[in-house]
């Protein structure tokens, strides 16, 4: 998979504090963006599933009880 470069401007004080604390800024930004992208992808799938499921009518009352009973009796 290819990669691209993204530039972000932060105050010099912020960068210095993070570097002095031993934080790998590049890695932290990369990890944050990858997690954010995953959350966006999950939201898209949930939205698609909600749309698909909205067209399905719920099962009739007592269906699960009847289904389990039939399953047990067939063995």
N, C-alpha and C. Protein backbone atom coordinates (compact mmCIF):
# COMPACT_ATOMS: atom_id res chain seq x y z
N UNK A 1 0.85 -1.16 0.00
CA UNK A 1 0.00 0.00 0.00
C UNK A 1 0.90 1.24 0.00
N UNK A 2 0.57 2.23 -0.81
CA UNK A 2 1.37 3.44 -0.89
C UNK A 2 1.14 4.35 0.30
N UNK A 3 2.03 5.28 0.44
CA UNK A 3 1.91 6.26 1.52
C UNK A 3 2.00 7.66 0.95
N UNK A 4 1.55 8.63 1.72
CA UNK A 4 1.63 10.04 1.35
C UNK A 4 2.18 10.82 2.55
N UNK A 5 2.64 12.00 2.28
CA UNK A 5 3.16 12.87 3.34
C UNK A 5 2.10 13.89 3.70
N UNK A 6 1.87 14.07 4.99
CA UNK A 6 0.94 15.08 5.49
C UNK A 6 1.74 16.00 6.41
N UNK A 7 1.64 17.30 6.18
CA UNK A 7 2.34 18.27 7.02
C UNK A 7 1.37 18.91 7.99
N UNK A 8 1.83 19.08 9.22
CA UNK A 8 1.01 19.71 10.25
C UNK A 8 1.86 20.75 10.96
N UNK A 9 1.28 21.92 11.16
CA UNK A 9 2.00 22.96 11.89
C UNK A 9 1.53 22.98 13.33
N UNK A 10 2.50 22.98 14.25
CA UNK A 10 2.21 23.12 15.67
C UNK A 10 3.15 24.17 16.25
N UNK A 11 2.77 24.69 17.39
CA UNK A 11 3.64 25.67 18.04
C UNK A 11 4.97 25.00 18.37
N UNK A 12 6.02 25.77 18.27
CA UNK A 12 7.36 25.26 18.54
C UNK A 12 7.46 24.70 19.96
N UNK A 13 6.77 25.34 20.89
CA UNK A 13 6.78 24.91 22.29
C UNK A 13 6.21 23.50 22.42
N UNK A 14 5.16 23.22 21.68
CA UNK A 14 4.54 21.90 21.74
C UNK A 14 5.51 20.85 21.22
N UNK A 15 6.11 21.12 20.09
CA UNK A 15 7.06 20.17 19.49
C UNK A 15 8.23 19.91 20.43
N UNK A 16 8.78 20.95 21.00
CA UNK A 16 9.94 20.82 21.88
C UNK A 16 9.57 20.00 23.12
N UNK A 17 8.42 20.30 23.73
CA UNK A 17 7.99 19.57 24.92
C UNK A 17 7.83 18.08 24.63
N UNK A 18 7.19 17.77 23.50
CA UNK A 18 6.99 16.36 23.14
C UNK A 18 8.32 15.66 22.89
N UNK A 19 9.22 16.31 22.16
CA UNK A 19 10.51 15.70 21.87
C UNK A 19 11.33 15.52 23.14
N UNK A 20 11.29 16.51 24.04
CA UNK A 20 12.02 16.40 25.31
C UNK A 20 11.46 15.27 26.17
N UNK A 21 10.19 14.97 25.99
CA UNK A 21 9.56 13.89 26.75
C UNK A 21 9.79 12.53 26.12
N UNK A 22 10.52 12.50 25.00
CA UNK A 22 10.84 11.24 24.35
C UNK A 22 9.73 10.69 23.49
N UNK A 23 8.79 11.54 23.12
CA UNK A 23 7.66 11.09 22.31
C UNK A 23 8.02 11.17 20.83
N UNK A 24 7.76 10.08 20.11
CA UNK A 24 7.98 10.05 18.67
C UNK A 24 6.75 10.66 18.01
N UNK A 25 6.85 11.93 17.66
CA UNK A 25 5.71 12.68 17.14
C UNK A 25 5.16 12.02 15.88
N UNK A 26 6.03 11.64 14.97
CA UNK A 26 5.58 11.02 13.72
C UNK A 26 4.76 9.77 13.99
N UNK A 27 5.26 8.93 14.88
CA UNK A 27 4.56 7.68 15.19
C UNK A 27 3.21 7.96 15.85
N UNK A 28 3.17 8.89 16.76
CA UNK A 28 1.92 9.22 17.45
C UNK A 28 0.88 9.78 16.49
N UNK A 29 1.29 10.67 15.59
CA UNK A 29 0.36 11.23 14.61
C UNK A 29 -0.12 10.15 13.66
N UNK A 30 0.79 9.30 13.21
CA UNK A 30 0.43 8.20 12.31
C UNK A 30 -0.58 7.26 12.97
N UNK A 31 -0.30 6.87 14.22
CA UNK A 31 -1.19 5.97 14.94
C UNK A 31 -2.57 6.61 15.14
N UNK A 32 -2.59 7.89 15.51
CA UNK A 32 -3.86 8.58 15.71
C UNK A 32 -4.68 8.60 14.43
N UNK A 33 -4.04 8.94 13.31
CA UNK A 33 -4.76 9.02 12.03
C UNK A 33 -5.24 7.65 11.57
N UNK A 34 -4.45 6.62 11.79
CA UNK A 34 -4.88 5.27 11.41
C UNK A 34 -6.07 4.82 12.26
N UNK A 35 -6.05 5.11 13.55
CA UNK A 35 -7.19 4.76 14.41
C UNK A 35 -8.42 5.55 14.01
N UNK A 36 -8.24 6.83 13.68
CA UNK A 36 -9.36 7.66 13.24
C UNK A 36 -9.96 7.12 11.94
N UNK A 37 -9.11 6.72 11.01
CA UNK A 37 -9.58 6.16 9.74
C UNK A 37 -10.36 4.87 10.00
N UNK A 38 -9.90 4.05 10.93
CA UNK A 38 -10.61 2.82 11.26
C UNK A 38 -11.99 3.13 11.84
N UNK A 39 -12.07 4.13 12.72
CA UNK A 39 -13.36 4.51 13.29
C UNK A 39 -14.32 5.01 12.21
N UNK A 40 -13.79 5.77 11.25
CA UNK A 40 -14.63 6.27 10.15
C UNK A 40 -15.14 5.10 9.33
N UNK A 41 -14.27 4.14 9.05
CA UNK A 41 -14.67 2.96 8.28
C UNK A 41 -15.75 2.16 9.02
N UNK A 42 -15.58 2.01 10.33
CA UNK A 42 -16.56 1.29 11.14
C UNK A 42 -17.91 2.00 11.09
N UNK A 43 -17.90 3.34 11.22
CA UNK A 43 -19.15 4.10 11.16
C UNK A 43 -19.85 3.91 9.82
N UNK A 44 -19.07 3.87 8.73
CA UNK A 44 -19.65 3.65 7.41
C UNK A 44 -20.35 2.30 7.34
N UNK A 45 -19.66 1.24 7.84
CA UNK A 45 -20.25 -0.10 7.81
C UNK A 45 -21.50 -0.16 8.67
N UNK A 46 -21.46 0.45 9.83
CA UNK A 46 -22.63 0.44 10.71
C UNK A 46 -23.79 1.14 10.02
N UNK A 47 -23.51 2.24 9.36
CA UNK A 47 -24.55 2.97 8.64
C UNK A 47 -25.14 2.11 7.52
N UNK A 48 -24.28 1.39 6.79
CA UNK A 48 -24.75 0.51 5.73
C UNK A 48 -25.62 -0.61 6.31
N UNK A 49 -25.18 -1.20 7.43
CA UNK A 49 -25.95 -2.28 8.05
C UNK A 49 -27.29 -1.77 8.54
N UNK A 50 -27.28 -0.57 9.16
CA UNK A 50 -28.54 0.01 9.62
C UNK A 50 -29.51 0.19 8.47
N UNK A 51 -29.00 0.65 7.33
CA UNK A 51 -29.85 0.85 6.16
C UNK A 51 -30.40 -0.48 5.65
N UNK A 52 -29.54 -1.50 5.59
CA UNK A 52 -29.99 -2.82 5.14
C UNK A 52 -31.03 -3.40 6.10
N UNK A 53 -30.77 -3.29 7.38
CA UNK A 53 -31.67 -3.88 8.37
C UNK A 53 -32.98 -3.12 8.51
N UNK A 54 -33.00 -1.85 8.12
CA UNK A 54 -34.23 -1.08 8.24
C UNK A 54 -35.31 -1.59 7.29
N UNK A 55 -34.92 -2.32 6.24
CA UNK A 55 -35.87 -2.86 5.27
C UNK A 55 -36.37 -4.26 5.64
N UNK A 56 -35.85 -4.81 6.74
CA UNK A 56 -36.24 -6.15 7.15
C UNK A 56 -37.24 -6.04 8.29
N UNK A 57 -38.39 -6.68 8.09
CA UNK A 57 -39.41 -6.61 9.14
C UNK A 57 -39.03 -7.55 10.28
N UNK A 58 -39.37 -7.18 11.50
CA UNK A 58 -39.03 -8.03 12.64
C UNK A 58 -39.81 -9.34 12.59
N UNK A 59 -39.26 -10.37 13.22
CA UNK A 59 -39.95 -11.66 13.25
C UNK A 59 -41.16 -11.57 14.18
N UNK A 60 -42.10 -12.47 13.95
CA UNK A 60 -43.32 -12.46 14.75
C UNK A 60 -43.03 -12.85 16.18
N UNK A 61 -43.88 -12.40 17.09
CA UNK A 61 -43.69 -12.68 18.50
C UNK A 61 -43.78 -14.18 18.74
N UNK A 62 -42.84 -14.70 19.51
CA UNK A 62 -42.83 -16.12 19.83
C UNK A 62 -42.05 -16.95 18.82
N UNK A 63 -41.49 -16.33 17.79
CA UNK A 63 -40.78 -17.07 16.75
C UNK A 63 -39.58 -17.82 17.32
N UNK A 64 -38.81 -17.15 18.18
CA UNK A 64 -37.60 -17.79 18.70
C UNK A 64 -37.94 -18.99 19.58
N UNK A 65 -38.97 -18.87 20.39
CA UNK A 65 -39.39 -19.99 21.24
C UNK A 65 -39.82 -21.16 20.37
N UNK A 66 -40.62 -20.86 19.35
CA UNK A 66 -41.12 -21.90 18.46
C UNK A 66 -39.96 -22.55 17.69
N UNK A 67 -39.01 -21.75 17.27
CA UNK A 67 -37.88 -22.25 16.50
C UNK A 67 -37.01 -23.17 17.35
N UNK A 68 -36.73 -22.75 18.58
CA UNK A 68 -35.91 -23.58 19.47
C UNK A 68 -36.64 -24.89 19.78
N UNK A 69 -37.95 -24.81 20.03
CA UNK A 69 -38.73 -26.02 20.34
C UNK A 69 -38.67 -27.00 19.15
N UNK A 70 -38.86 -26.49 17.94
CA UNK A 70 -38.79 -27.36 16.75
C UNK A 70 -37.42 -28.01 16.62
N UNK A 71 -36.40 -27.22 16.90
CA UNK A 71 -35.03 -27.72 16.79
C UNK A 71 -34.79 -28.85 17.79
N UNK A 72 -35.25 -28.68 19.01
CA UNK A 72 -35.05 -29.69 20.05
C UNK A 72 -35.82 -30.97 19.72
N UNK A 73 -37.02 -30.81 19.22
CA UNK A 73 -37.86 -31.97 18.93
C UNK A 73 -37.39 -32.74 17.71
N UNK A 74 -36.62 -32.15 16.86
CA UNK A 74 -36.17 -32.82 15.66
C UNK A 74 -34.98 -33.75 15.91
N UNK A 75 -34.43 -33.71 17.10
CA UNK A 75 -33.26 -34.57 17.39
C UNK A 75 -33.64 -35.76 18.17
